[in-house]
Amino acid sequence: MPATLASRLPMVIAELRPRVSAAIKSGAEDIAANARTKVPVGYPDNHLRDDIHVVRQDVAEYAISAGAEETFYGHMVEFGTKYAAPHPFLMPAAEEGVGDVAARVTAVLRSL
């Protein structure tokens, strides 16, 4: 009697992108939440803290945006200006969270 082999590869491929994408999005949201705790809050009514959010770029690709039309100064806070010292909030949050994102993706890949 001949042996037949069944491959799980089609199932793995079908589940790979959505599960990895969800893990990366979750990690990006945690990094954004951490950045919100690190950003200095000043006196204006429009706070940069309220405009830090995750933006989907592509499948399993997310960016963290700091700023909007009225809070356009995120890069000035992060890197400083000629008149103001830098107050990094986004890069430290990303550096602290990158290991967690990698761990989440690794866990997803091992579970497939």
N, C-alpha and C. Protein backbone atom coordinates (compact mmCIF):
# COMPACT_ATOMS: atom_id res chain seq x y z
N MET A 1 0.85 -1.16 0.00
CA MET A 1 0.00 0.00 0.00
C MET A 1 0.90 1.24 0.00
N PRO A 2 0.71 2.17 -0.94
CA PRO A 2 1.56 3.36 -1.01
C PRO A 2 1.19 4.35 0.10
N ALA A 3 2.19 5.05 0.55
CA ALA A 3 1.99 6.07 1.59
C ALA A 3 1.65 7.41 0.94
N THR A 4 0.74 8.12 1.55
CA THR A 4 0.42 9.47 1.06
C THR A 4 0.83 10.47 2.14
N LEU A 5 1.39 11.55 1.70
CA LEU A 5 1.85 12.58 2.62
C LEU A 5 0.90 13.78 2.54
N ALA A 6 0.54 14.29 3.67
CA ALA A 6 -0.31 15.48 3.73
C ALA A 6 0.55 16.63 4.23
N SER A 7 0.53 17.71 3.51
CA SER A 7 1.34 18.86 3.87
C SER A 7 0.51 19.89 4.63
N ARG A 8 1.11 20.43 5.68
CA ARG A 8 0.46 21.52 6.42
C ARG A 8 0.84 22.89 5.85
N LEU A 9 1.69 22.89 4.85
CA LEU A 9 2.21 24.13 4.30
C LEU A 9 1.12 25.10 3.84
N PRO A 10 0.09 24.67 3.11
CA PRO A 10 -0.96 25.63 2.72
C PRO A 10 -1.65 26.28 3.92
N MET A 11 -1.87 25.52 4.96
CA MET A 11 -2.50 26.06 6.17
C MET A 11 -1.57 27.06 6.85
N VAL A 12 -0.29 26.75 6.92
CA VAL A 12 0.69 27.64 7.55
C VAL A 12 0.78 28.95 6.77
N ILE A 13 0.83 28.85 5.45
CA ILE A 13 0.91 30.05 4.62
C ILE A 13 -0.33 30.92 4.80
N ALA A 14 -1.50 30.31 4.88
CA ALA A 14 -2.74 31.07 5.04
C ALA A 14 -2.80 31.81 6.38
N GLU A 15 -2.23 31.23 7.42
CA GLU A 15 -2.28 31.82 8.75
C GLU A 15 -1.11 32.76 9.04
N LEU A 16 -0.05 32.66 8.28
CA LEU A 16 1.18 33.39 8.58
C LEU A 16 1.00 34.90 8.61
N ARG A 17 0.56 35.49 7.52
CA ARG A 17 0.47 36.95 7.45
C ARG A 17 -0.47 37.56 8.48
N PRO A 18 -1.70 37.08 8.61
CA PRO A 18 -2.58 37.73 9.59
C PRO A 18 -2.10 37.59 11.03
N ARG A 19 -1.51 36.46 11.38
CA ARG A 19 -1.06 36.27 12.76
C ARG A 19 0.19 37.08 13.07
N VAL A 20 1.13 37.14 12.12
CA VAL A 20 2.33 37.96 12.32
C VAL A 20 1.94 39.43 12.34
N SER A 21 1.04 39.82 11.46
CA SER A 21 0.58 41.21 11.42
C SER A 21 -0.07 41.61 12.74
N ALA A 22 -0.88 40.74 13.30
CA ALA A 22 -1.53 41.04 14.59
C ALA A 22 -0.50 41.17 15.70
N ALA A 23 0.52 40.33 15.68
CA ALA A 23 1.57 40.41 16.71
C ALA A 23 2.35 41.71 16.59
N ILE A 24 2.68 42.11 15.37
CA ILE A 24 3.42 43.35 15.17
C ILE A 24 2.56 44.55 15.55
N LYS A 25 1.29 44.53 15.18
CA LYS A 25 0.40 45.65 15.53
C LYS A 25 0.27 45.78 17.04
N SER A 26 0.11 44.67 17.72
CA SER A 26 0.00 44.69 19.18
C SER A 26 1.27 45.27 19.81
N GLY A 27 2.42 44.87 19.30
CA GLY A 27 3.68 45.41 19.80
C GLY A 27 3.81 46.89 19.53
N ALA A 28 3.40 47.33 18.34
CA ALA A 28 3.46 48.75 17.99
C ALA A 28 2.53 49.57 18.89
N GLU A 29 1.38 49.03 19.21
CA GLU A 29 0.46 49.74 20.11
C GLU A 29 1.06 49.88 21.51
N ASP A 30 1.78 48.85 21.96
CA ASP A 30 2.45 48.94 23.26
C ASP A 30 3.57 49.99 23.24
N ILE A 31 4.30 50.05 22.13
CA ILE A 31 5.35 51.06 22.00
C ILE A 31 4.74 52.46 22.00
N ALA A 32 3.63 52.64 21.29
CA ALA A 32 2.96 53.94 21.25
C ALA A 32 2.46 54.32 22.65
N ALA A 33 1.93 53.37 23.39
CA ALA A 33 1.47 53.65 24.75
C ALA A 33 2.64 54.06 25.64
N ASN A 34 3.78 53.40 25.48
CA ASN A 34 4.97 53.75 26.25
C ASN A 34 5.46 55.15 25.87
N ALA A 35 5.42 55.48 24.58
CA ALA A 35 5.84 56.81 24.13
C ALA A 35 4.94 57.88 24.73
N ARG A 36 3.65 57.59 24.86
CA ARG A 36 2.72 58.56 25.46
C ARG A 36 3.09 58.88 26.91
N THR A 37 3.66 57.90 27.60
CA THR A 37 4.05 58.15 28.99
C THR A 37 5.35 58.93 29.08
N LYS A 38 6.16 58.90 28.02
CA LYS A 38 7.47 59.55 28.04
C LYS A 38 7.46 60.97 27.49
N VAL A 39 6.48 61.32 26.68
CA VAL A 39 6.48 62.63 26.03
C VAL A 39 6.15 63.72 27.06
N PRO A 40 6.91 64.82 27.03
CA PRO A 40 6.60 65.91 27.95
C PRO A 40 5.25 66.54 27.61
N VAL A 41 4.53 66.93 28.63
CA VAL A 41 3.22 67.56 28.44
C VAL A 41 3.33 69.00 28.90
N GLY A 42 3.03 69.91 27.99
CA GLY A 42 3.12 71.34 28.30
C GLY A 42 1.77 71.95 28.59
N TYR A 43 1.71 73.24 28.47
CA TYR A 43 0.51 73.99 28.82
C TYR A 43 -0.53 74.10 27.71
N PRO A 44 -0.23 73.85 26.43
CA PRO A 44 -1.27 74.07 25.42
C PRO A 44 -2.43 73.10 25.57
N ASP A 45 -3.53 73.47 24.95
CA ASP A 45 -4.71 72.61 24.99
C ASP A 45 -4.54 71.35 24.14
N ASN A 46 -3.75 71.45 23.09
CA ASN A 46 -3.50 70.31 22.21
C ASN A 46 -2.18 69.66 22.61
N HIS A 47 -2.28 68.49 23.19
CA HIS A 47 -1.08 67.81 23.68
C HIS A 47 -0.59 66.80 22.64
N LEU A 48 0.71 66.77 22.45
CA LEU A 48 1.33 65.80 21.55
C LEU A 48 1.02 64.39 22.02
N ARG A 49 0.94 64.18 23.30
CA ARG A 49 0.64 62.87 23.88
C ARG A 49 -0.64 62.28 23.29
N ASP A 50 -1.62 63.13 23.01
CA ASP A 50 -2.91 62.66 22.49
C ASP A 50 -2.86 62.33 21.00
N ASP A 51 -1.78 62.68 20.32
CA ASP A 51 -1.66 62.43 18.89
C ASP A 51 -0.55 61.44 18.55
N ILE A 52 -0.25 60.54 19.45
CA ILE A 52 0.69 59.45 19.17
C ILE A 52 -0.18 58.22 18.88
N HIS A 53 -0.06 57.69 17.67
CA HIS A 53 -0.89 56.56 17.28
C HIS A 53 -0.18 55.67 16.27
N VAL A 54 -0.72 54.48 16.10
CA VAL A 54 -0.17 53.48 15.19
C VAL A 54 -0.87 53.61 13.84
N VAL A 55 -0.07 53.60 12.77
CA VAL A 55 -0.59 53.71 11.41
C VAL A 55 -0.15 52.48 10.62
N ARG A 56 -1.10 51.84 9.96
CA ARG A 56 -0.77 50.67 9.14
C ARG A 56 -0.17 51.14 7.82
N GLN A 57 1.01 50.60 7.49
CA GLN A 57 1.69 50.93 6.25
C GLN A 57 1.42 49.87 5.17
N ASP A 58 1.45 48.61 5.58
CA ASP A 58 1.28 47.49 4.67
C ASP A 58 0.97 46.27 5.54
N VAL A 59 0.85 45.11 4.93
CA VAL A 59 0.63 43.89 5.70
C VAL A 59 1.82 43.67 6.61
N ALA A 60 1.57 43.54 7.89
CA ALA A 60 2.60 43.30 8.91
C ALA A 60 3.62 44.43 8.96
N GLU A 61 3.20 45.64 8.60
CA GLU A 61 4.10 46.80 8.65
C GLU A 61 3.33 47.98 9.25
N TYR A 62 3.79 48.42 10.40
CA TYR A 62 3.13 49.52 11.11
C TYR A 62 4.14 50.59 11.48
N ALA A 63 3.67 51.82 11.51
CA ALA A 63 4.51 52.95 11.91
C ALA A 63 3.84 53.63 13.10
N ILE A 64 4.64 54.25 13.93
CA ILE A 64 4.10 55.01 15.06
C ILE A 64 4.27 56.47 14.71
N SER A 65 3.16 57.17 14.67
CA SER A 65 3.14 58.58 14.29
C SER A 65 2.97 59.44 15.52
N ALA A 66 3.77 60.50 15.60
CA ALA A 66 3.68 61.43 16.73
C ALA A 66 3.40 62.81 16.17
N GLY A 67 2.15 63.21 16.22
CA GLY A 67 1.79 64.53 15.75
C GLY A 67 0.61 64.49 14.80
N ALA A 68 0.04 65.65 14.61
CA ALA A 68 -1.08 65.83 13.69
C ALA A 68 -1.02 67.28 13.21
N GLU A 69 -2.09 67.75 12.62
CA GLU A 69 -2.09 69.11 12.07
C GLU A 69 -1.79 70.16 13.12
N GLU A 70 -2.41 70.05 14.28
CA GLU A 70 -2.20 71.05 15.33
C GLU A 70 -1.03 70.72 16.24
N THR A 71 -0.60 69.48 16.24
CA THR A 71 0.56 69.07 17.06
C THR A 71 1.66 68.57 16.13
N PHE A 72 2.10 69.45 15.28
CA PHE A 72 3.08 69.13 14.25
C PHE A 72 4.51 69.07 14.78
N TYR A 73 4.73 69.34 16.03
CA TYR A 73 6.06 69.57 16.57
C TYR A 73 6.71 68.34 17.22
N GLY A 74 6.21 67.15 16.94
CA GLY A 74 6.77 65.94 17.54
C GLY A 74 8.25 65.77 17.26
N HIS A 75 8.67 66.02 16.04
CA HIS A 75 10.09 65.88 15.70
C HIS A 75 10.94 66.91 16.42
N MET A 76 10.36 68.06 16.70
CA MET A 76 11.10 69.11 17.41
C MET A 76 11.31 68.73 18.87
N VAL A 77 10.32 68.08 19.46
CA VAL A 77 10.45 67.62 20.84
C VAL A 77 11.47 66.48 20.90
N GLU A 78 11.35 65.54 19.98
CA GLU A 78 12.23 64.36 19.97
C GLU A 78 13.70 64.73 19.76
N PHE A 79 13.97 65.58 18.78
CA PHE A 79 15.35 65.87 18.40
C PHE A 79 15.86 67.24 18.86
N GLY A 80 14.97 68.08 19.36
CA GLY A 80 15.38 69.41 19.79
C GLY A 80 15.43 70.39 18.64
N THR A 81 15.65 71.64 18.96
CA THR A 81 15.76 72.70 17.97
C THR A 81 16.95 73.57 18.35
N LYS A 82 17.12 74.60 17.60
CA LYS A 82 18.18 75.56 17.89
C LYS A 82 17.94 76.22 19.25
N TYR A 83 16.68 76.31 19.65
CA TYR A 83 16.31 77.01 20.88
C TYR A 83 15.88 76.10 22.03
N ALA A 84 15.65 74.83 21.74
CA ALA A 84 15.15 73.93 22.78
C ALA A 84 15.93 72.62 22.77
N ALA A 85 16.22 72.11 23.94
CA ALA A 85 16.93 70.84 24.08
C ALA A 85 16.03 69.68 23.65
N PRO A 86 16.61 68.59 23.18
CA PRO A 86 15.79 67.43 22.82
C PRO A 86 15.22 66.74 24.06
N HIS A 87 14.02 66.20 23.87
CA HIS A 87 13.36 65.38 24.90
C HIS A 87 12.89 64.10 24.22
N PRO A 88 13.80 63.17 23.99
CA PRO A 88 13.43 61.94 23.27
C PRO A 88 12.33 61.17 24.01
N PHE A 89 11.34 60.76 23.25
CA PHE A 89 10.26 59.95 23.82
C PHE A 89 9.93 58.78 22.91
N LEU A 90 10.03 58.95 21.62
CA LEU A 90 9.65 57.90 20.69
C LEU A 90 10.77 56.85 20.51
N MET A 91 11.98 57.29 20.29
CA MET A 91 13.08 56.34 20.12
C MET A 91 13.33 55.52 21.39
N PRO A 92 13.33 56.12 22.58
CA PRO A 92 13.49 55.27 23.78
C PRO A 92 12.36 54.24 23.92
N ALA A 93 11.14 54.64 23.59
CA ALA A 93 10.02 53.69 23.66
C ALA A 93 10.20 52.56 22.65
N ALA A 94 10.66 52.90 21.45
CA ALA A 94 10.89 51.88 20.42
C ALA A 94 12.02 50.94 20.83
N GLU A 95 13.08 51.49 21.38
CA GLU A 95 14.21 50.66 21.81
C GLU A 95 13.80 49.71 22.93
N GLU A 96 12.96 50.19 23.83
CA GLU A 96 12.49 49.32 24.93
C GLU A 96 11.54 48.24 24.44
N GLY A 97 10.78 48.52 23.38
CA GLY A 97 9.75 47.59 22.93
C GLY A 97 10.14 46.65 21.82
N VAL A 98 11.27 46.87 21.18
CA VAL A 98 11.63 46.05 20.02
C VAL A 98 11.83 44.58 20.40
N GLY A 99 12.37 44.31 21.55
CA GLY A 99 12.55 42.92 21.99
C GLY A 99 11.23 42.22 22.22
N ASP A 100 10.26 42.95 22.75
CA ASP A 100 8.93 42.39 22.98
C ASP A 100 8.25 42.06 21.66
N VAL A 101 8.38 42.93 20.67
CA VAL A 101 7.79 42.67 19.35
C VAL A 101 8.42 41.43 18.73
N ALA A 102 9.73 41.34 18.82
CA ALA A 102 10.43 40.16 18.27
C ALA A 102 9.98 38.89 18.98
N ALA A 103 9.79 38.96 20.28
CA ALA A 103 9.33 37.79 21.03
C ALA A 103 7.92 37.38 20.62
N ARG A 104 7.06 38.36 20.37
CA ARG A 104 5.69 38.05 19.93
C ARG A 104 5.70 37.37 18.56
N VAL A 105 6.49 37.89 17.64
CA VAL A 105 6.57 37.30 16.31
C VAL A 105 7.15 35.90 16.39
N THR A 106 8.18 35.72 17.19
CA THR A 106 8.78 34.40 17.37
C THR A 106 7.74 33.42 17.93
N ALA A 107 6.96 33.84 18.89
CA ALA A 107 5.93 32.97 19.47
C ALA A 107 4.89 32.58 18.41
N VAL A 108 4.51 33.52 17.57
CA VAL A 108 3.55 33.21 16.49
C VAL A 108 4.15 32.19 15.53
N LEU A 109 5.39 32.41 15.12
CA LEU A 109 6.01 31.49 14.17
C LEU A 109 6.17 30.10 14.75
N ARG A 110 6.48 30.00 16.03
CA ARG A 110 6.61 28.68 16.66
C ARG A 110 5.28 27.98 16.81
N SER A 111 4.20 28.75 16.90
CA SER A 111 2.89 28.13 17.08
C SER A 111 2.28 27.60 15.78
N LEU A 112 2.87 27.99 14.66
CA LEU A 112 2.32 27.53 13.36
C LEU A 112 2.70 26.12 13.11
